[in-house]
Protein backbone atom coordinates (compact mmCIF):
# COMPACT_ATOMS: atom_id res chain seq x y z
CA MET A 1 -12.54 -9.30 -23.57
CA ARG A 2 -8.94 -8.66 -22.45
CA ARG A 3 -8.68 -5.28 -23.76
CA LEU A 4 -11.84 -4.46 -21.16
CA ARG A 5 -9.85 -6.34 -18.11
CA ASP A 6 -7.03 -3.85 -19.38
CA ARG A 7 -9.19 -0.99 -19.43
CA ASP A 8 -10.63 -1.81 -15.71
CA ARG A 9 -6.78 -2.49 -14.31
CA LEU A 10 -5.47 0.64 -15.98
CA LYS A 11 -8.58 2.68 -14.50
CA ALA A 12 -7.71 1.34 -11.18
CA ALA A 13 -3.92 2.37 -11.23
CA TYR A 14 -4.99 5.83 -12.44
CA ASP A 15 -7.37 6.64 -9.59
CA ARG A 16 -5.04 5.47 -7.13
CA LEU A 17 -2.43 7.13 -8.69
CA ARG A 18 -4.33 10.59 -9.43
CA GLY A 19 -5.41 10.41 -5.58
CA ASP A 20 -1.91 10.08 -4.33
CA GLY A 21 -1.02 13.28 -6.92
CA GLY A 22 0.32 11.37 -9.98
CA GLY A 23 2.72 8.45 -10.72
CA LEU A 24 4.16 6.17 -13.44
CA ILE A 25 2.21 3.29 -14.99
CA SER A 26 3.98 0.94 -17.15
CA ILE A 27 2.55 -0.60 -19.97
CA TYR A 28 3.87 -3.36 -22.25
CA TYR A 29 2.89 -5.56 -25.25
CA HIS A 30 4.51 -7.74 -27.93
CA PRO A 31 3.17 -6.98 -31.27
CA ALA A 32 3.35 -10.67 -32.12
CA GLU A 33 0.82 -11.03 -29.96
CA TRP A 34 -1.56 -9.51 -32.75
CA VAL A 35 0.24 -11.34 -35.62
CA HIS A 36 1.32 -15.02 -34.70
CA ARG A 37 -1.25 -17.53 -32.30
CA GLU A 38 1.79 -18.41 -30.33
CA PHE A 39 5.84 -16.88 -29.38
CA TRP A 40 8.51 -17.37 -31.26
CA ASP A 41 10.34 -18.83 -28.33
CA ALA A 42 7.62 -21.28 -27.19
CA VAL A 43 7.10 -22.77 -30.78
CA ASN A 44 11.58 -23.42 -30.96
CA PHE A 45 12.50 -23.55 -27.38
CA ARG A 46 10.12 -24.42 -25.16
CA ARG A 47 11.01 -26.09 -21.75
CA GLY A 48 14.81 -25.77 -22.14
CA ALA A 49 14.95 -27.06 -26.25
CA ASN A 50 17.61 -25.64 -28.17
CA PRO A 51 17.29 -26.34 -31.89
CA PRO A 52 19.64 -25.70 -34.37
CA ARG A 53 19.03 -22.35 -36.29
CA GLU A 54 18.22 -24.41 -39.35
CA GLU A 55 15.36 -26.13 -37.49
CA TRP A 56 13.99 -22.99 -36.18
CA LYS A 57 9.99 -22.72 -37.26
CA ARG A 58 8.03 -19.94 -37.36
CA PRO A 59 5.49 -19.48 -35.58
CA PRO A 60 1.41 -19.85 -36.53
CA GLN A 61 0.04 -16.34 -38.13
CA ARG A 62 -3.62 -15.33 -37.49
CA PRO A 63 -5.43 -14.34 -40.58
CA ALA A 64 -4.98 -10.62 -41.88
CA ALA A 65 -8.59 -10.23 -40.35
CA GLU A 66 -7.72 -11.02 -36.84
CA THR A 67 -4.65 -9.36 -36.59
CA GLU A 68 -6.29 -5.99 -37.90
CA ALA A 69 -9.10 -6.73 -35.44
CA ALA A 70 -6.28 -6.65 -33.08
CA TYR A 71 -4.98 -3.40 -33.97
CA GLN A 72 -8.14 -1.75 -34.22
CA ARG A 73 -8.47 -3.09 -30.52
CA PHE A 74 -5.43 -1.64 -29.13
CA GLY A 75 -6.04 2.07 -30.98
CA ALA A 76 -9.22 1.99 -29.26
CA TYR A 77 -7.23 1.18 -25.91
CA LEU A 78 -4.66 4.33 -26.53
CA ASP A 79 -7.46 6.40 -27.23
CA PHE A 80 -8.88 5.22 -23.62
CA GLN A 81 -5.50 6.08 -22.17
CA ARG A 82 -5.49 9.67 -23.93
CA SER A 83 -9.31 9.83 -22.40
CA LEU A 84 -8.17 10.28 -18.99
CA PRO A 85 -7.36 13.70 -17.74
CA GLY A 86 -4.15 14.26 -17.14
CA VAL A 87 -2.67 11.66 -18.57
CA LYS A 88 0.45 12.18 -20.99
CA HIS A 89 2.51 9.53 -22.92
CA VAL A 90 6.08 9.14 -22.43
CA THR A 91 8.92 7.02 -23.46
CA ALA A 92 11.75 5.38 -21.48
CA SER A 93 14.43 8.04 -22.97
CA GLU A 94 12.23 10.95 -20.96
CA LEU A 95 11.94 9.33 -17.74
CA PRO A 96 15.11 10.43 -16.62
CA ALA A 97 14.15 13.95 -16.96
CA ILE A 98 11.16 13.69 -15.13
CA TYR A 99 12.35 11.53 -12.33
CA ARG A 100 15.39 13.11 -10.45
CA ASN A 101 18.13 12.01 -8.62
CA ARG A 102 17.99 14.86 -6.16
CA ILE A 103 20.91 13.87 -3.76
CA GLY A 104 22.84 13.16 -6.39
CA GLU A 105 22.27 16.63 -8.22
CA GLU A 106 22.70 18.55 -5.23
CA GLY A 107 24.85 17.24 -2.76
CA ALA A 108 24.88 16.78 0.81
CA ASP A 109 25.49 19.55 3.39
CA ARG A 110 26.89 18.93 6.81
CA ALA A 111 22.78 18.97 8.24
CA THR A 112 22.09 16.08 5.95
CA VAL A 113 25.35 14.22 6.57
CA ARG A 114 24.28 14.23 10.46
CA GLU A 115 21.21 13.17 9.56
CA VAL A 116 22.29 10.02 7.69
CA ALA A 117 25.12 9.44 10.16
CA GLU A 118 22.73 9.56 13.08
CA ARG A 119 20.32 7.04 11.24
CA LEU A 120 23.22 4.84 10.67
CA ALA A 121 24.91 4.85 13.98
CA ARG A 122 21.49 4.03 15.91
CA GLY A 123 22.02 0.33 14.36
CA GLY A 124 20.05 -1.85 12.27
CA PRO A 125 19.24 -2.40 8.89
CA LEU A 126 20.60 -0.19 6.49
CA ASP A 127 17.41 1.14 4.74
CA ILE A 128 15.91 3.94 2.59
CA LEU A 129 16.16 7.77 4.17
CA ARG A 130 14.42 10.63 3.70
CA ASP A 131 16.18 13.77 4.01
CA ARG A 132 14.70 17.27 5.74
CA ARG A 133 14.36 18.39 2.19
CA GLY A 134 12.50 15.31 1.47
CA ARG A 135 15.25 13.95 -0.52
CA PHE A 136 15.21 9.93 -0.79
CA VAL A 137 19.06 8.39 0.12
CA SER A 138 19.88 4.73 -0.89
CA PRO A 139 21.91 2.66 0.87
CA ALA A 140 24.58 3.05 -1.67
CA GLU A 141 24.28 6.79 -1.78
CA GLN A 142 24.55 6.45 2.07
CA PHE A 143 27.36 4.37 1.57
CA SER A 144 29.19 7.32 -0.80
CA LEU A 145 28.08 10.26 1.21
CA ILE A 146 29.75 8.92 4.64
CA THR A 147 32.68 7.83 3.38
CA SER A 148 32.88 11.27 0.71
CA PHE A 149 33.12 13.30 4.19
CA LEU A 150 35.28 11.38 5.86
CA VAL A 151 37.91 10.87 3.18
CA ARG A 152 37.52 14.87 2.78
CA SER A 153 37.73 15.65 6.21
CA ILE A 154 40.89 13.70 6.52
CA GLY A 155 42.21 15.05 3.09
CA ASP A 156 41.24 19.03 3.71
CA GLY A 157 41.72 18.99 7.56
CA LYS A 158 38.56 20.78 8.24
CA LEU A 159 34.81 19.21 7.53
CA PRO A 160 33.27 19.93 3.87
CA ALA A 161 30.30 22.18 4.06
CA LEU A 162 29.06 19.77 1.10
CA VAL A 163 29.90 16.58 -0.15
CA GLU A 164 29.00 14.73 -3.43
CA VAL A 165 27.12 11.67 -3.32
CA SER A 166 28.12 9.38 -6.37
CA GLU A 167 25.94 6.99 -8.17
CA LEU A 168 27.16 3.54 -7.33
CA LEU A 169 25.95 -0.03 -7.94
CA GLY A 170 25.40 -2.77 -5.02
CA PRO A 171 28.48 -5.05 -4.17
CA SER A 172 29.29 -7.80 -6.89
CA GLU A 173 29.99 -10.54 -4.22
CA ARG A 174 28.06 -11.54 -1.25
CA PRO A 175 29.91 -9.64 2.05
CA PRO A 176 32.00 -11.66 4.26
CA VAL A 177 31.21 -11.38 8.26
CA SER A 178 33.45 -8.98 9.71
CA GLU A 179 36.63 -10.48 11.26
CA VAL A 180 37.77 -7.62 13.75
CA ALA A 181 35.40 -5.96 16.27
CA GLU A 182 37.63 -2.92 16.41
CA LEU A 183 40.65 -0.79 14.71
CA PRO A 184 42.83 1.51 15.45
CA TRP A 185 42.26 4.53 13.99
CA ARG A 186 45.02 4.59 11.46
CA ALA A 187 44.17 0.93 10.52
CA PHE A 188 40.51 2.40 10.06
CA ARG A 189 41.59 5.20 8.21
CA ASP A 190 43.39 3.24 5.28
CA ALA A 191 40.76 1.04 5.30
CA LEU A 192 38.47 4.07 4.56
CA LEU A 193 40.39 5.38 1.81
CA ASP A 194 41.00 2.39 0.11
CA ALA A 195 37.13 1.37 0.15
CA SER A 196 36.81 5.06 -1.05
CA ASP A 197 39.36 4.52 -3.93
CA GLU A 198 37.56 1.43 -5.27
CA ALA A 199 34.30 2.94 -4.91
CA ARG A 200 35.14 5.58 -7.12
CA LEU A 201 36.97 3.47 -9.80
CA ARG A 202 34.65 0.65 -9.43
CA ALA A 203 31.82 2.92 -9.08
CA GLN A 204 30.23 0.43 -6.79
CA VAL A 205 30.14 -0.26 -2.70
CA PRO A 206 32.94 -2.51 -2.36
CA ALA A 207 32.11 -6.39 -1.97
CA ARG A 208 34.39 -5.86 1.14
CA VAL A 209 36.57 -3.76 2.89
CA PHE A 210 39.83 -4.73 3.97
CA ALA A 211 41.60 -3.41 7.23
CA GLY A 212 45.24 -5.17 6.51
CA VAL A 213 44.23 -8.79 5.85
CA LYS A 214 41.21 -8.63 7.80
CA LYS A 215 38.07 -8.16 6.18
CA VAL A 216 34.58 -5.86 7.17
CA ALA A 217 31.46 -6.54 5.29
CA PRO A 218 30.63 -2.82 3.80
CA ALA A 219 27.18 -2.49 5.91
CA ASP A 220 29.31 -2.61 9.15
CA PHE A 221 31.95 -0.41 7.64
CA LEU A 222 29.26 2.16 7.00
CA ARG A 223 27.57 2.04 10.23
CA ALA A 224 31.40 2.28 12.14
CA ALA A 225 32.27 5.04 9.70
CA ALA A 226 29.23 7.13 10.48
CA VAL A 227 29.93 6.95 13.96
CA VAL A 228 33.14 8.67 13.46
CA ALA A 229 31.16 11.21 11.08
CA LEU A 230 28.87 12.08 13.82
CA ALA A 231 31.63 12.55 16.83
CA LEU A 232 33.37 15.01 14.16
CA LEU A 233 29.98 16.92 13.63
CA ASP A 234 29.35 17.00 16.93
CA ALA A 235 32.69 18.44 17.96
CA GLY A 236 31.92 21.50 15.36
CA PRO A 237 33.77 22.99 12.12
CA ALA A 238 35.31 25.57 13.84
CA ALA A 239 38.69 23.70 14.93
CA PRO A 240 40.54 20.81 13.00
CA PRO A 241 38.86 17.33 13.22
CA SER A 242 39.67 15.06 15.92
CA PHE A 243 39.81 11.55 15.35
CA PRO A 244 38.91 9.04 17.47
CA ALA A 245 41.72 6.75 18.80
CA ALA A 246 39.96 3.25 18.10
CA VAL A 247 36.74 2.43 16.10
CA ALA A 248 34.03 0.06 17.00
CA VAL A 249 33.16 -2.49 14.06
CA PRO A 250 29.55 -3.73 14.40
CA THR A 251 28.59 -7.02 12.88
CA GLY A 252 25.82 -8.72 11.08
CA THR A 253 24.54 -5.48 9.87
CA ALA A 254 21.46 -6.24 7.24
CA VAL A 255 20.46 -4.71 3.87
CA ALA A 256 16.35 -3.90 4.87
CA THR A 257 16.24 -3.09 0.82
CA GLU A 258 16.72 -6.63 -0.16
CA ARG A 259 13.11 -7.30 0.82
CA PHE A 260 11.93 -5.73 -2.69
CA VAL A 261 13.43 -8.89 -4.32
CA ALA A 262 12.12 -12.11 -4.49
CA GLU A 263 12.97 -15.32 -2.69
CA ASP A 264 14.72 -17.53 -5.41
CA SER A 265 12.15 -20.77 -6.09
CA PRO A 266 10.87 -22.99 -8.70
CA GLU A 267 7.83 -20.68 -9.54
CA LEU A 268 10.08 -17.67 -9.83
CA PHE A 269 10.82 -18.08 -13.49
CA GLY A 270 8.27 -20.78 -13.92
CA GLY A 271 6.25 -18.62 -16.36
CA TRP A 272 8.66 -18.13 -19.43
CA ILE A 273 8.29 -21.03 -21.95
CA ILE A 274 11.61 -21.45 -22.51
CA HIS A 275 12.49 -22.24 -18.83
CA PRO A 276 13.08 -26.41 -18.05
CA GLU A 277 10.55 -27.35 -15.71
CA GLY A 278 12.03 -26.67 -12.05
CA PHE A 279 14.24 -24.38 -13.24
CA ARG A 280 16.22 -22.07 -10.81
CA ALA A 281 18.39 -19.17 -11.07
CA PRO A 282 20.06 -18.29 -7.65
CA ARG A 283 23.14 -16.33 -8.75
CA ILE A 284 20.58 -13.69 -10.74
CA VAL A 285 18.44 -13.69 -7.15
CA GLU A 286 21.56 -13.27 -5.34
CA MET A 287 22.77 -10.32 -7.73
CA ALA A 288 19.37 -8.67 -7.90
CA LYS A 289 19.53 -8.54 -3.52
CA LEU A 290 23.40 -7.35 -3.64
CA GLN A 291 22.12 -4.63 -6.28
CA ALA A 292 19.18 -3.42 -3.56
CA TRP A 293 21.84 -1.66 -2.15
CA THR A 294 20.47 1.23 -5.05
CA LEU A 295 17.09 0.75 -4.07
CA LYS A 296 14.65 4.23 -3.46
CA PRO A 297 11.81 5.98 -4.97
CA ALA A 298 11.78 7.73 -7.85
CA GLU A 299 11.53 11.23 -7.21
CA ARG A 300 9.21 13.48 -9.68
CA ALA A 301 10.92 16.64 -11.06
CA PRO A 302 9.31 19.95 -9.87
């Protein structure tokens, strides 16, 4: 009966994705399901138990005929998948060639920098953006894009025609409350250069940007930097860039992509038998929210 239910669920997902032009369906099973009556972790580590290795027990095994029947049902399920028009089986190692990061591969020209800067300068939470070429840009990529544009403008003495967009992880810690509302240009410049260096060396968005001894939340700093970038673009590339005397720093900028991460609760991890009753993992949830800076839809290669 389970395989029949799985066929119905697969067919529903297939019909929906086919109507949207295609997509990816991820299916997983554990081979122990067909060999054992119970998972080994349930037998040995149920609800927080942690017996010595010498006391580990083998899970009860299914009769050979029952296992063979399970494999036969699974084979029929695979045949059903292959019978659906357009279905192709792929492995995880093949996915990077199927789903590309176009903004990372192609970089951002001035028009794209303007699009991103305009959206950030309007205020509000950081969120996934899509440029005029249909490329998705995560909040972490926006941080790379804007800071790279400004660093190049400072170093080259002119606006770059194209900037690389690095793949950054999210911050490692919750951001502080920004401690400054405005910075003189030179102080902002130095903070920008330091933040860019940290992002490049650590391959992640800084958990905090230092302006001297004052701390600035990275989301607030990104919005402030976007305003500066937009002003440079408005002035045009003909003359050397003219930077402002001071830069306003907003406060309380949220990261909207955190909405894709579940809230911490006793029920969140309760489905895995090894966890004690009421198990919580707030640091794991917090880290997942921090890495939400990197989230964006996958793009199929043409």
